[in-house]
Amino acid sequence: MKDSLARWNEDDDWETLLLAISLGQCTPFLGAGACAGVLPLGSELAREWAREFGYPFQDTENLSKVSQYLAVKKNSLFPKWLIKTRFENVRPPDFSNPNEPHRLVADLHLPLYITTNYDNFLFRAIESTPPRRQPIREFCRWNTVHPSKRGPSGVNPTSERPVVFHLHGIMERPATMVLTEDDYLDFMKSDPKSLMPIPIMGAFADSCLLFLGYSFEDMNFKVIFRKLATYMMREGARHVSVQLAPKNKNAEPTTEELKQVESQIQYLQQQYNLMSIQVYWGTCEQFAIELRRRR
């Protein structure tokens, strides 16, 4: 397994990423895993709602399906109101920890940050990290019901006034959130060029995307690539994703179990290679420590 897991740990890969960061050509892309330990994961919310509201199916960890059930049984905004109520008064992560994901990317002083999270943690991390900057918070206008359908104009991300762009909406405006199955379908049907300002779309074509807080099985991760593959899978592109490697369930795995995990890693590596993504196998904290050391 060492050969597969060591694939990223080459000086060339770090050199490419560090050069992109120094030129401002790296765009951090944060997912729910960046808030682990602070906000509940989607699977945890799904199980909780499934128990509370009598979800009658077996896939109780599928948040989009459980949310769809609540949207049909209650109100289309009901599951989004639940998230807003649950998230809005949560204490943010410890931004004084240099290896906390939001603090890590804030310290890179880049012009643009993208997230599929609904919270404002990334904005607050940039705002509170010295030297003080004035970030701008924007969100994707994917929902035809939302009055701001046309989206922001004149967005010009700079390192002094960076833009935090919420691809799947913000909790302050529940109608903007991509959450239910219907939301994901509507999001997939929309034209990317009509959803995002040109500078935001340009990040998918001109910069190295750094994914933190996603897994290969994450629905948000899959939707992003299905939706934006044309822009991200250009020739010569090299994006980066920090991923936890599959683990053995047993403390003392058999030879067959070790082979199975090795096969899983090889399969995932092939999938990422097809999507022009270089994988760092490890935790966000391990990645943060190594990135800071090399910078």
C-alpha atoms as a PDB file:
ATOM      1  CA  MET A   1       0.000   0.000   0.000  1.00  0.00           C
ATOM      2  CA  LYS A   2       2.902   2.383   0.490  1.00  0.00           C
ATOM      3  CA  ASP A   3       3.450   2.897  -3.240  1.00  0.00           C
ATOM      4  CA  SER A   4      -0.173   3.976  -3.805  1.00  0.00           C
ATOM      5  CA  LEU A   5      -0.254   6.263  -0.794  1.00  0.00           C
ATOM      6  CA  ALA A   6       3.114   7.844  -1.628  1.00  0.00           C
ATOM      7  CA  ARG A   7       2.048   8.865  -5.125  1.00  0.00           C
ATOM      8  CA  TRP A   8       1.425  12.503  -4.095  1.00  0.00           C
ATOM      9  CA  ASN A   9       4.521  12.898  -1.923  1.00  0.00           C
ATOM     10  CA  GLU A  10       6.746  14.024  -4.750  1.00  0.00           C
ATOM     11  CA  ASP A  11       8.538  17.357  -4.897  1.00  0.00           C
ATOM     12  CA  ASP A  12       7.062  18.070  -8.335  1.00  0.00           C
ATOM     13  CA  ASP A  13       3.493  17.977  -7.008  1.00  0.00           C
ATOM     14  CA  TRP A  14       4.255  20.327  -4.131  1.00  0.00           C
ATOM     15  CA  GLU A  15       6.257  22.617  -6.388  1.00  0.00           C
ATOM     16  CA  THR A  16       3.335  22.941  -8.810  1.00  0.00           C
ATOM     17  CA  LEU A  17       0.836  23.703  -6.045  1.00  0.00           C
ATOM     18  CA  LEU A  18       3.120  26.184  -4.280  1.00  0.00           C
ATOM     19  CA  LEU A  19       3.819  28.014  -7.532  1.00  0.00           C
ATOM     20  CA  ALA A  20       0.086  28.286  -8.250  1.00  0.00           C
ATOM     21  CA  ILE A  21      -0.464  29.696  -4.739  1.00  0.00           C
ATOM     22  CA  SER A  22       2.358  32.238  -5.081  1.00  0.00           C
ATOM     23  CA  LEU A  23       0.929  33.457  -8.410  1.00  0.00           C
ATOM     24  CA  GLY A  24      -2.615  33.682  -7.043  1.00  0.00           C
ATOM     25  CA  GLN A  25      -3.653  30.940  -9.473  1.00  0.00           C
ATOM     26  CA  CYS A  26      -4.930  28.535  -6.813  1.00  0.00           C
ATOM     27  CA  THR A  27      -8.599  28.497  -5.784  1.00  0.00           C
ATOM     28  CA  PRO A  28      -9.476  26.691  -2.518  1.00  0.00           C
ATOM     29  CA  PHE A  29     -12.738  24.723  -2.722  1.00  0.00           C
ATOM     30  CA  LEU A  30     -14.150  23.789   0.695  1.00  0.00           C
ATOM     31  CA  GLY A  31     -16.692  21.085   1.484  1.00  0.00           C
ATOM     32  CA  ALA A  32     -18.566  19.919   4.576  1.00  0.00           C
ATOM     33  CA  GLY A  33     -15.573  17.983   5.919  1.00  0.00           C
ATOM     34  CA  ALA A  34     -13.830  21.301   6.590  1.00  0.00           C
ATOM     35  CA  CYS A  35     -16.407  21.847   9.373  1.00  0.00           C
ATOM     36  CA  ALA A  36     -16.052  18.389  10.918  1.00  0.00           C
ATOM     37  CA  GLY A  37     -16.447  18.531  14.687  1.00  0.00           C
ATOM     38  CA  VAL A  38     -18.178  21.922  14.485  1.00  0.00           C
ATOM     39  CA  LEU A  39     -21.201  21.223  12.283  1.00  0.00           C
ATOM     40  CA  PRO A  40     -22.881  17.821  11.818  1.00  0.00           C
ATOM     41  CA  LEU A  41     -22.117  15.979   8.602  1.00  0.00           C
ATOM     42  CA  GLY A  42     -24.893  15.412   6.080  1.00  0.00           C
ATOM     43  CA  SER A  43     -25.242  11.751   7.033  1.00  0.00           C
ATOM     44  CA  GLU A  44     -25.710  12.713  10.690  1.00  0.00           C
ATOM     45  CA  LEU A  45     -28.434  15.232   9.859  1.00  0.00           C
ATOM     46  CA  ALA A  46     -30.153  12.705   7.599  1.00  0.00           C
ATOM     47  CA  ARG A  47     -30.255  10.025  10.317  1.00  0.00           C
ATOM     48  CA  GLU A  48     -31.533  12.539  12.873  1.00  0.00           C
ATOM     49  CA  TRP A  49     -34.328  13.799  10.593  1.00  0.00           C
ATOM     50  CA  ALA A  50     -35.221  10.277   9.457  1.00  0.00           C
ATOM     51  CA  ARG A  51     -35.853   9.262  13.077  1.00  0.00           C
ATOM     52  CA  GLU A  52     -37.670  12.451  14.032  1.00  0.00           C
ATOM     53  CA  PHE A  53     -39.967  12.676  11.020  1.00  0.00           C
ATOM     54  CA  GLY A  54     -40.600   8.995  10.283  1.00  0.00           C
ATOM     55  CA  TYR A  55     -38.671   8.615   7.023  1.00  0.00           C
ATOM     56  CA  PRO A  56     -40.030   5.283   5.678  1.00  0.00           C
ATOM     57  CA  PHE A  57     -37.107   4.145   3.493  1.00  0.00           C
ATOM     58  CA  GLN A  58     -33.798   2.377   4.181  1.00  0.00           C
ATOM     59  CA  ASP A  59     -31.325   5.037   2.947  1.00  0.00           C
ATOM     60  CA  THR A  60     -31.533   7.085   6.140  1.00  0.00           C
ATOM     61  CA  GLU A  61     -28.026   8.571   5.660  1.00  0.00           C
ATOM     62  CA  ASN A  62     -28.825  10.161   2.301  1.00  0.00           C
ATOM     63  CA  LEU A  63     -29.430  13.818   3.106  1.00  0.00           C
ATOM     64  CA  SER A  64     -30.777  14.816  -0.301  1.00  0.00           C
ATOM     65  CA  LYS A  65     -33.397  12.037  -0.193  1.00  0.00           C
ATOM     66  CA  VAL A  66     -34.425  12.609   3.408  1.00  0.00           C
ATOM     67  CA  SER A  67     -34.635  16.347   2.669  1.00  0.00           C
ATOM     68  CA  GLN A  68     -36.785  15.632  -0.373  1.00  0.00           C
ATOM     69  CA  TYR A  69     -39.155  13.603   1.809  1.00  0.00           C
ATOM     70  CA  LEU A  70     -39.502  16.525   4.228  1.00  0.00           C
ATOM     71  CA  ALA A  71     -39.990  18.984   1.366  1.00  0.00           C
ATOM     72  CA  VAL A  72     -42.884  16.898   0.043  1.00  0.00           C
ATOM     73  CA  LYS A  73     -44.466  16.087   3.402  1.00  0.00           C
ATOM     74  CA  LYS A  74     -44.055  19.526   4.979  1.00  0.00           C
ATOM     75  CA  ASN A  75     -42.965  22.412   2.780  1.00  0.00           C
ATOM     76  CA  SER A  76     -40.326  22.867   0.076  1.00  0.00           C
ATOM     77  CA  LEU A  77     -38.336  25.136   2.420  1.00  0.00           C
ATOM     78  CA  PHE A  78     -38.866  23.096   5.591  1.00  0.00           C
ATOM     79  CA  PRO A  79     -35.544  21.159   5.562  1.00  0.00           C
ATOM     80  CA  LYS A  80     -33.674  24.369   4.708  1.00  0.00           C
ATOM     81  CA  TRP A  81     -35.302  26.144   7.637  1.00  0.00           C
ATOM     82  CA  LEU A  82     -34.152  23.268   9.847  1.00  0.00           C
ATOM     83  CA  ILE A  83     -30.556  23.760   8.704  1.00  0.00           C
ATOM     84  CA  LYS A  84     -30.733  27.524   9.184  1.00  0.00           C
ATOM     85  CA  THR A  85     -32.070  27.040  12.726  1.00  0.00           C
ATOM     86  CA  ARG A  86     -29.412  24.421  13.503  1.00  0.00           C
ATOM     87  CA  PHE A  87     -26.388  26.234  12.019  1.00  0.00           C
ATOM     88  CA  GLU A  88     -26.897  29.960  12.576  1.00  0.00           C
ATOM     89  CA  ASN A  89     -25.884  30.099  16.255  1.00  0.00           C
ATOM     90  CA  VAL A  90     -23.070  27.529  16.158  1.00  0.00           C
ATOM     91  CA  ARG A  91     -19.702  28.754  17.409  1.00  0.00           C
ATOM     92  CA  PRO A  92     -17.197  28.896  14.515  1.00  0.00           C
ATOM     93  CA  PRO A  93     -14.048  26.745  14.327  1.00  0.00           C
ATOM     94  CA  ASP A  94     -10.907  27.805  16.170  1.00  0.00           C
ATOM     95  CA  PHE A  95      -9.291  30.132  13.649  1.00  0.00           C
ATOM     96  CA  SER A  96      -6.295  30.579  15.977  1.00  0.00           C
ATOM     97  CA  ASN A  97      -5.267  27.031  15.041  1.00  0.00           C
ATOM     98  CA  PRO A  98      -3.012  27.442  11.972  1.00  0.00           C
ATOM     99  CA  ASN A  99      -3.935  23.967  10.733  1.00  0.00           C
ATOM    100  CA  GLU A 100      -7.703  24.500  10.853  1.00  0.00           C
ATOM    101  CA  PRO A 101      -8.872  24.268   7.176  1.00  0.00           C
ATOM    102  CA  HIS A 102     -10.542  27.710   7.006  1.00  0.00           C
ATOM    103  CA  ARG A 103      -7.559  29.401   8.659  1.00  0.00           C
ATOM    104  CA  LEU A 104      -5.140  27.515   6.417  1.00  0.00           C
ATOM    105  CA  VAL A 105      -6.679  28.764   3.161  1.00  0.00           C
ATOM    106  CA  ALA A 106      -7.275  32.253   4.578  1.00  0.00           C
ATOM    107  CA  ASP A 107      -3.525  32.509   5.210  1.00  0.00           C
ATOM    108  CA  LEU A 108      -2.826  31.868   1.522  1.00  0.00           C
ATOM    109  CA  HIS A 109      -4.126  35.395   0.711  1.00  0.00           C
ATOM    110  CA  LEU A 110      -5.765  34.340  -2.530  1.00  0.00           C
ATOM    111  CA  PRO A 111      -8.329  36.369  -4.488  1.00  0.00           C
ATOM    112  CA  LEU A 112     -11.064  33.731  -4.734  1.00  0.00           C
ATOM    113  CA  TYR A 113     -12.489  31.008  -2.502  1.00  0.00           C
ATOM    114  CA  ILE A 114     -15.330  28.644  -3.441  1.00  0.00           C
ATOM    115  CA  THR A 115     -17.436  26.486  -1.131  1.00  0.00           C
ATOM    116  CA  THR A 116     -20.521  24.290  -1.233  1.00  0.00           C
ATOM    117  CA  ASN A 117     -21.117  24.968   2.467  1.00  0.00           C
ATOM    118  CA  TYR A 118     -23.954  27.214   3.621  1.00  0.00           C
ATOM    119  CA  ASP A 119     -22.171  28.720   6.650  1.00  0.00           C
ATOM    120  CA  ASN A 120     -20.097  31.912   6.834  1.00  0.00           C
ATOM    121  CA  PHE A 121     -16.995  30.364   8.431  1.00  0.00           C
ATOM    122  CA  LEU A 122     -14.747  30.927   5.424  1.00  0.00           C
ATOM    123  CA  PHE A 123     -15.738  34.599   5.241  1.00  0.00           C
ATOM    124  CA  ARG A 124     -15.088  35.043   8.963  1.00  0.00           C
ATOM    125  CA  ALA A 125     -11.730  33.276   8.791  1.00  0.00           C
ATOM    126  CA  ILE A 126     -10.501  35.601   6.028  1.00  0.00           C
ATOM    127  CA  GLU A 127     -11.900  38.656   7.803  1.00  0.00           C
ATOM    128  CA  SER A 128     -10.172  37.805  11.086  1.00  0.00           C
ATOM    129  CA  THR A 129      -6.806  36.592   9.764  1.00  0.00           C
ATOM    130  CA  PRO A 130      -4.067  39.244   9.650  1.00  0.00           C
ATOM    131  CA  PRO A 131      -3.374  41.250   7.666  1.00  0.00           C
ATOM    132  CA  ARG A 132      -7.055  42.227   7.806  1.00  0.00           C
ATOM    133  CA  ARG A 133      -8.836  42.075   4.464  1.00  0.00           C
ATOM    134  CA  GLN A 134     -12.356  42.913   3.340  1.00  0.00           C
ATOM    135  CA  PRO A 135     -13.848  39.770   1.806  1.00  0.00           C
ATOM    136  CA  ILE A 136     -16.998  39.831  -0.303  1.00  0.00           C
ATOM    137  CA  ARG A 137     -19.580  37.073   0.075  1.00  0.00           C
ATOM    138  CA  GLU A 138     -21.544  35.995  -3.004  1.00  0.00           C
ATOM    139  CA  PHE A 139     -23.711  33.003  -3.906  1.00  0.00           C
ATOM    140  CA  CYS A 140     -24.807  31.159  -7.027  1.00  0.00           C
ATOM    141  CA  ARG A 141     -28.157  32.160  -8.551  1.00  0.00           C
ATOM    142  CA  TRP A 142     -29.211  28.663  -9.620  1.00  0.00           C
ATOM    143  CA  ASN A 143     -32.786  28.913  -8.334  1.00  0.00           C
ATOM    144  CA  THR A 144     -35.245  30.472 -10.787  1.00  0.00           C
ATOM    145  CA  VAL A 145     -37.577  31.234  -7.873  1.00  0.00           C
ATOM    146  CA  HIS A 146     -35.016  33.439  -6.180  1.00  0.00           C
ATOM    147  CA  PRO A 147     -35.435  37.142  -7.056  1.00  0.00           C
ATOM    148  CA  SER A 148     -31.699  37.619  -7.619  1.00  0.00           C
ATOM    149  CA  LYS A 149     -31.655  35.214 -10.549  1.00  0.00           C
ATOM    150  CA  ARG A 150     -29.248  37.200 -12.690  1.00  0.00           C
ATOM    151  CA  GLY A 151     -26.481  37.116 -10.119  1.00  0.00           C
ATOM    152  CA  PRO A 152     -23.920  39.690  -8.985  1.00  0.00           C
ATOM    153  CA  SER A 153     -22.296  42.029 -11.463  1.00  0.00           C
ATOM    154  CA  GLY A 154     -18.895  43.668 -11.367  1.00  0.00           C
ATOM    155  CA  VAL A 155     -17.304  40.984  -9.168  1.00  0.00           C
ATOM    156  CA  ASN A 156     -13.535  41.434  -9.337  1.00  0.00           C
ATOM    157  CA  PRO A 157     -11.698  39.205  -6.825  1.00  0.00           C
ATOM    158  CA  THR A 158      -8.373  40.529  -5.524  1.00  0.00           C
ATOM    159  CA  SER A 159      -6.113  39.438  -2.685  1.00  0.00           C
ATOM    160  CA  GLU A 160      -7.121  42.596  -0.761  1.00  0.00           C
ATOM    161  CA  ARG A 161     -10.852  42.123  -1.425  1.00  0.00           C
ATOM    162  CA  PRO A 162     -11.240  38.373  -1.960  1.00  0.00           C
ATOM    163  CA  VAL A 163     -14.554  36.823  -2.966  1.00  0.00           C
ATOM    164  CA  VAL A 164     -16.054  33.879  -1.064  1.00  0.00           C
ATOM    165  CA  PHE A 165     -18.441  32.267  -3.543  1.00  0.00           C
ATOM    166  CA  HIS A 166     -21.096  29.848  -2.253  1.00  0.00           C
ATOM    167  CA  LEU A 167     -21.862  27.484  -5.106  1.00  0.00           C
ATOM    168  CA  HIS A 168     -24.798  25.841  -3.278  1.00  0.00           C
ATOM    169  CA  GLY A 169     -26.297  28.841  -1.519  1.00  0.00           C
ATOM    170  CA  ILE A 170     -26.173  30.382   1.952  1.00  0.00           C
ATOM    171  CA  MET A 171     -28.185  29.632   5.062  1.00  0.00           C
ATOM    172  CA  GLU A 172     -29.227  33.288   5.494  1.00  0.00           C
ATOM    173  CA  ARG A 173     -31.324  32.836   2.321  1.00  0.00           C
ATOM    174  CA  PRO A 174     -32.766  29.317   2.530  1.00  0.00           C
ATOM    175  CA  ALA A 175     -34.241  29.442  -0.984  1.00  0.00           C
ATOM    176  CA  THR A 176     -30.707  29.588  -2.412  1.00  0.00           C
ATOM    177  CA  MET A 177     -29.601  26.318  -0.791  1.00  0.00           C
ATOM    178  CA  VAL A 178     -29.029  23.200  -2.910  1.00  0.00           C
ATOM    179  CA  LEU A 179     -30.262  20.465  -0.582  1.00  0.00           C
ATOM    180  CA  THR A 180     -33.093  18.235  -1.835  1.00  0.00           C
ATOM    181  CA  GLU A 181     -33.086  15.868  -4.809  1.00  0.00           C
ATOM    182  CA  ASP A 182     -35.144  18.393  -6.763  1.00  0.00           C
ATOM    183  CA  ASP A 183     -32.582  21.090  -5.954  1.00  0.00           C
ATOM    184  CA  TYR A 184     -29.733  18.995  -7.315  1.00  0.00           C
ATOM    185  CA  LEU A 185     -31.690  18.215 -10.483  1.00  0.00           C
ATOM    186  CA  ASP A 186     -32.523  21.894 -11.034  1.00  0.00           C
ATOM    187  CA  PHE A 187     -28.913  22.849 -10.364  1.00  0.00           C
ATOM    188  CA  MET A 188     -27.715  20.289 -12.910  1.00  0.00           C
ATOM    189  CA  LYS A 189     -30.125  21.596 -15.568  1.00  0.00           C
ATOM    190  CA  SER A 190     -28.977  25.205 -15.282  1.00  0.00           C
ATOM    191  CA  ASP A 191     -26.393  26.765 -17.587  1.00  0.00           C
ATOM    192  CA  PRO A 192     -23.093  27.349 -15.714  1.00  0.00           C
ATOM    193  CA  LYS A 193     -22.430  30.541 -17.678  1.00  0.00           C
ATOM    194  CA  SER A 194     -25.671  32.056 -16.408  1.00  0.00           C
ATOM    195  CA  LEU A 195     -25.038  31.069 -12.776  1.00  0.00           C
ATOM    196  CA  MET A 196     -21.686  32.641 -12.026  1.00  0.00           C
ATOM    197  CA  PRO A 197     -19.885  35.885 -12.833  1.00  0.00           C
ATOM    198  CA  ILE A 198     -17.116  35.562 -15.409  1.00  0.00           C
ATOM    199  CA  PRO A 199     -14.280  35.858 -12.827  1.00  0.00           C
ATOM    200  CA  ILE A 200     -15.768  32.966 -10.850  1.00  0.00           C
ATOM    201  CA  MET A 201     -16.190  30.796 -13.932  1.00  0.00           C
ATOM    202  CA  GLY A 202     -12.656  31.704 -14.954  1.00  0.00           C
ATOM    203  CA  ALA A 203     -11.307  29.992 -11.840  1.00  0.00           C
ATOM    204  CA  PHE A 204     -12.412  26.650 -13.246  1.00  0.00           C
ATOM    205  CA  ALA A 205     -10.496  27.290 -16.443  1.00  0.00           C
ATOM    206  CA  ASP A 206      -7.427  29.220 -15.302  1.00  0.00           C
ATOM    207  CA  SER A 207      -6.477  28.080 -11.818  1.00  0.00           C
ATOM    208  CA  CYS A 208      -5.552  25.032  -9.781  1.00  0.00           C
ATOM    209  CA  LEU A 209      -8.510  23.997  -7.610  1.00  0.00           C
ATOM    210  CA  LEU A 210      -7.623  22.808  -4.104  1.00  0.00           C
ATOM    211  CA  PHE A 211     -10.395  20.606  -2.668  1.00  0.00           C
ATOM    212  CA  LEU A 212     -10.605  20.305   1.119  1.00  0.00           C
ATOM    213  CA  GLY A 213     -13.379  18.577   3.043  1.00  0.00           C
ATOM    214  CA  TYR A 214     -14.758  16.337   0.274  1.00  0.00           C
ATOM    215  CA  SER A 215     -14.794  12.602  -0.275  1.00  0.00           C
ATOM    216  CA  PHE A 216     -15.123  10.837  -3.586  1.00  0.00           C
ATOM    217  CA  GLU A 217     -18.591   9.622  -2.558  1.00  0.00           C
ATOM    218  CA  ASP A 218     -19.744  13.116  -1.573  1.00  0.00           C
ATOM    219  CA  MET A 219     -22.827  14.117  -3.596  1.00  0.00           C
ATOM    220  CA  ASN A 220     -21.600  17.707  -3.808  1.00  0.00           C
ATOM    221  CA  PHE A 221     -18.274  16.522  -5.176  1.00  0.00           C
ATOM    222  CA  LYS A 222     -19.971  14.399  -7.842  1.00  0.00           C
ATOM    223  CA  VAL A 223     -22.341  17.186  -8.875  1.00  0.00           C
ATOM    224  CA  ILE A 224     -19.475  19.674  -9.190  1.00  0.00           C
ATOM    225  CA  PHE A 225     -17.623  17.453 -11.622  1.00  0.00           C
ATOM    226  CA  ARG A 226     -20.666  16.467 -13.606  1.00  0.00           C
ATOM    227  CA  LYS A 227     -21.642  20.122 -13.915  1.00  0.00           C
ATOM    228  CA  LEU A 228     -18.268  21.731 -14.502  1.00  0.00           C
ATOM    229  CA  ALA A 229     -16.238  18.925 -16.067  1.00  0.00           C
ATOM    230  CA  THR A 230     -15.868  20.766 -19.391  1.00  0.00           C
ATOM    231  CA  TYR A 231     -14.043  23.610 -17.670  1.00  0.00           C
ATOM    232  CA  MET A 232     -12.039  21.582 -15.147  1.00  0.00           C
ATOM    233  CA  MET A 233     -10.826  18.686 -17.298  1.00  0.00           C
ATOM    234  CA  ARG A 234      -8.925  20.832 -19.768  1.00  0.00           C
ATOM    235  CA  GLU A 235      -5.663  19.520 -21.182  1.00  0.00           C
ATOM    236  CA  GLY A 236      -2.729  20.134 -18.840  1.00  0.00           C
ATOM    237  CA  ALA A 237      -4.922  20.905 -15.804  1.00  0.00           C
ATOM    238  CA  ARG A 238      -3.809  19.662 -12.417  1.00  0.00           C
ATOM    239  CA  HIS A 239      -6.180  20.098  -9.489  1.00  0.00           C
ATOM    240  CA  VAL A 240      -5.585  18.820  -5.952  1.00  0.00           C
ATOM    241  CA  SER A 241      -7.896  16.959  -3.581  1.00  0.00           C
ATOM    242  CA  VAL A 242      -7.065  16.040   0.010  1.00  0.00           C
ATOM    243  CA  GLN A 243      -8.648  12.653   0.699  1.00  0.00           C
ATOM    244  CA  LEU A 244      -8.666  10.057   3.444  1.00  0.00           C
ATOM    245  CA  ALA A 245      -7.542   6.693   2.107  1.00  0.00           C
ATOM    246  CA  PRO A 246      -9.903   3.718   2.565  1.00  0.00           C
ATOM    247  CA  LYS A 247      -9.169   1.838   5.788  1.00  0.00           C
ATOM    248  CA  ASN A 248      -9.446  -1.738   6.956  1.00  0.00           C
ATOM    249  CA  LYS A 249     -12.328  -2.373   9.338  1.00  0.00           C
ATOM    250  CA  ASN A 250     -10.300  -4.818  11.418  1.00  0.00           C
ATOM    251  CA  ALA A 251      -7.313  -3.927  13.616  1.00  0.00           C
ATOM    252  CA  GLU A 252      -5.397  -6.908  12.203  1.00  0.00           C
ATOM    253  CA  PRO A 253      -6.569  -7.244   8.586  1.00  0.00           C
ATOM    254  CA  THR A 254      -6.023 -10.395   6.605  1.00  0.00           C
ATOM    255  CA  THR A 255      -4.013 -10.498   3.401  1.00  0.00           C
ATOM    256  CA  GLU A 256      -7.245 -10.568   1.427  1.00  0.00           C
ATOM    257  CA  GLU A 257      -8.571  -7.490   3.237  1.00  0.00           C
ATOM    258  CA  LEU A 258      -5.323  -5.618   2.561  1.00  0.00           C
ATOM    259  CA  LYS A 259      -5.629  -6.467  -1.131  1.00  0.00           C
ATOM    260  CA  GLN A 260      -9.223  -5.223  -1.154  1.00  0.00           C
ATOM    261  CA  VAL A 261      -8.223  -1.836   0.296  1.00  0.00           C
ATOM    262  CA  GLU A 262      -5.348  -1.614  -2.181  1.00  0.00           C
ATOM    263  CA  SER A 263      -7.802  -2.248  -5.036  1.00  0.00           C
ATOM    264  CA  GLN A 264     -10.098   0.473  -3.705  1.00  0.00           C
ATOM    265  CA  ILE A 265      -7.231   2.973  -3.636  1.00  0.00           C
ATOM    266  CA  GLN A 266      -6.129   2.074  -7.156  1.00  0.00           C
ATOM    267  CA  TYR A 267      -9.693   2.473  -8.428  1.00  0.00           C
ATOM    268  CA  LEU A 268     -10.124   5.864  -6.762  1.00  0.00           C
ATOM    269  CA  GLN A 269      -6.752   7.006  -8.077  1.00  0.00           C
ATOM    270  CA  GLN A 270      -7.813   6.095 -11.623  1.00  0.00           C
ATOM    271  CA  GLN A 271     -11.083   7.978 -11.184  1.00  0.00           C
ATOM    272  CA  TYR A 272      -9.278  11.094  -9.997  1.00  0.00           C
ATOM    273  CA  ASN A 273      -6.747  10.882 -12.803  1.00  0.00           C
ATOM    274  CA  LEU A 274      -9.607  10.874 -15.315  1.00  0.00           C
ATOM    275  CA  MET A 275     -10.849  14.101 -13.714  1.00  0.00           C
ATOM    276  CA  SER A 276      -7.391  15.753 -13.819  1.00  0.00           C
ATOM    277  CA  ILE A 277      -7.075  15.621 -10.023  1.00  0.00           C
ATOM    278  CA  GLN A 278      -3.928  14.793  -8.105  1.00  0.00           C
ATOM    279  CA  VAL A 279      -4.757  13.191  -4.753  1.00  0.00           C
ATOM    280  CA  TYR A 280      -3.056  13.877  -1.458  1.00  0.00           C
ATOM    281  CA  TRP A 281      -3.939  10.849   0.670  1.00  0.00           C
ATOM    282  CA  GLY A 282      -4.212  12.065   4.255  1.00  0.00           C
ATOM    283  CA  THR A 283      -6.100  14.322   6.647  1.00  0.00           C
ATOM    284  CA  CYS A 284      -6.596  18.063   6.229  1.00  0.00           C
ATOM    285  CA  GLU A 285      -4.356  18.591   9.257  1.00  0.00           C
ATOM    286  CA  GLN A 286      -1.531  16.507   7.781  1.00  0.00           C
ATOM    287  CA  PHE A 287      -1.837  18.436   4.536  1.00  0.00           C
ATOM    288  CA  ALA A 288      -1.841  21.776   6.384  1.00  0.00           C
ATOM    289  CA  ILE A 289       1.290  20.931   8.369  1.00  0.00           C
ATOM    290  CA  GLU A 290       3.185  19.862   5.259  1.00  0.00           C
ATOM    291  CA  LEU A 291       1.993  22.842   3.219  1.00  0.00           C
ATOM    292  CA  ARG A 292       3.106  25.317   5.873  1.00  0.00           C
ATOM    293  CA  ARG A 293       6.470  23.578   6.239  1.00  0.00           C
ATOM    294  CA  ARG A 294       7.147  23.747   2.507  1.00  0.00           C
ATOM    295  CA  ARG A 295       6.035  27.370   2.197  1.00  0.00           C
END
